[in-house]
Amino acid sequence: MSDRTPPEPISPDAEYAPAPKHLVFGLVAALVAWGLYLAIGAAYWGHNIWRGVAVLACSALFLGWFWGLQRLFVRRQRK
């Protein structure tokens, strides 16, 4: 048996270190490239351009959703 104590819970007021900008940029660029790859594949193999548009729109909504959450989180920390 170990006598380790459980870790302290993280308080809502804790400050988090921001991720390096090059890491965030690389992740977003990879997600955009992946969305384009899927959109081109859906349009080419499905023989319907609207399938590619739908895939691209879903990728943009996915990135937009997390961008909005990130902006909300940053705004809350500044107050």
Protein backbone atom coordinates (compact mmCIF):
# COMPACT_ATOMS: atom_id res chain seq x y z
CA MET A 1 0.00 0.00 0.00
CA SER A 2 1.21 3.46 -0.79
CA ASP A 3 0.64 6.48 1.37
CA ARG A 4 0.40 8.96 -1.50
CA THR A 5 -2.09 11.76 -1.05
CA PRO A 6 -4.46 12.60 -3.89
CA PRO A 7 -3.63 15.70 -5.94
CA GLU A 8 -5.21 19.01 -5.06
CA PRO A 9 -8.22 19.91 -7.20
CA ILE A 10 -7.70 22.72 -9.70
CA SER A 11 -9.50 25.86 -8.66
CA PRO A 12 -11.58 27.78 -11.22
CA ASP A 13 -9.36 30.81 -10.63
CA ALA A 14 -6.17 28.99 -11.60
CA GLU A 15 -4.13 30.59 -14.36
CA TYR A 16 -3.07 28.43 -17.26
CA ALA A 17 -0.01 28.98 -19.39
CA PRO A 18 -0.99 29.74 -22.99
CA ALA A 19 0.09 27.32 -25.67
CA PRO A 20 2.94 28.47 -27.90
CA LYS A 21 1.62 30.30 -30.96
CA HIS A 22 3.53 28.12 -33.42
CA LEU A 23 1.92 25.02 -31.92
CA VAL A 24 -1.59 26.48 -32.23
CA PHE A 25 -0.88 27.70 -35.77
CA GLY A 26 0.43 24.26 -36.76
CA LEU A 27 -2.61 22.51 -35.32
CA VAL A 28 -5.06 24.85 -37.09
CA ALA A 29 -3.13 24.55 -40.37
CA ALA A 30 -3.22 20.76 -40.10
CA LEU A 31 -6.98 20.79 -39.45
CA VAL A 32 -7.59 23.11 -42.41
CA ALA A 33 -5.45 20.90 -44.66
CA TRP A 34 -7.30 17.81 -43.48
CA GLY A 35 -10.67 19.48 -44.12
CA LEU A 36 -9.59 20.47 -47.63
CA TYR A 37 -8.33 16.95 -48.28
CA LEU A 38 -11.64 15.46 -47.18
CA ALA A 39 -13.66 18.03 -49.16
CA ILE A 40 -11.72 17.39 -52.36
CA GLY A 41 -12.07 13.64 -51.88
CA ALA A 42 -15.80 13.89 -51.24
CA ALA A 43 -16.32 16.05 -54.34
CA TYR A 44 -14.09 13.92 -56.57
CA TRP A 45 -15.18 10.44 -55.53
CA GLY A 46 -18.81 11.37 -54.94
CA HIS A 47 -19.05 13.16 -58.33
CA ASN A 48 -20.99 15.91 -56.58
CA ILE A 49 -19.44 19.26 -55.71
CA TRP A 50 -22.01 19.89 -52.96
CA ARG A 51 -20.66 17.00 -50.90
CA GLY A 52 -17.29 18.71 -50.86
CA VAL A 53 -18.91 22.01 -49.92
CA ALA A 54 -20.75 20.30 -47.05
CA VAL A 55 -17.55 18.71 -45.75
CA LEU A 56 -15.70 22.01 -45.99
CA ALA A 57 -18.54 23.82 -44.17
CA CYS A 58 -18.49 21.23 -41.37
CA SER A 59 -14.73 21.64 -41.02
CA ALA A 60 -15.12 25.42 -40.84
CA LEU A 61 -17.88 25.11 -38.23
CA PHE A 62 -15.71 22.77 -36.17
CA LEU A 63 -12.81 25.23 -36.17
CA GLY A 64 -15.15 28.18 -35.59
CA TRP A 65 -16.75 26.49 -32.59
CA PHE A 66 -13.42 25.95 -30.85
CA TRP A 67 -12.19 29.41 -31.80
CA GLY A 68 -15.31 30.86 -30.15
CA LEU A 69 -14.79 28.76 -27.03
CA GLN A 70 -11.19 29.87 -26.85
CA ARG A 71 -12.16 33.54 -27.18
CA LEU A 72 -14.78 33.13 -24.45
CA PHE A 73 -12.24 31.48 -22.14
CA VAL A 74 -9.66 34.22 -22.72
CA ARG A 75 -12.24 36.95 -22.13
CA ARG A 76 -13.28 35.36 -18.83
CA GLN A 77 -9.69 35.20 -17.62
CA ARG A 78 -9.07 38.89 -18.37
CA LYS A 79 -11.97 40.06 -16.17
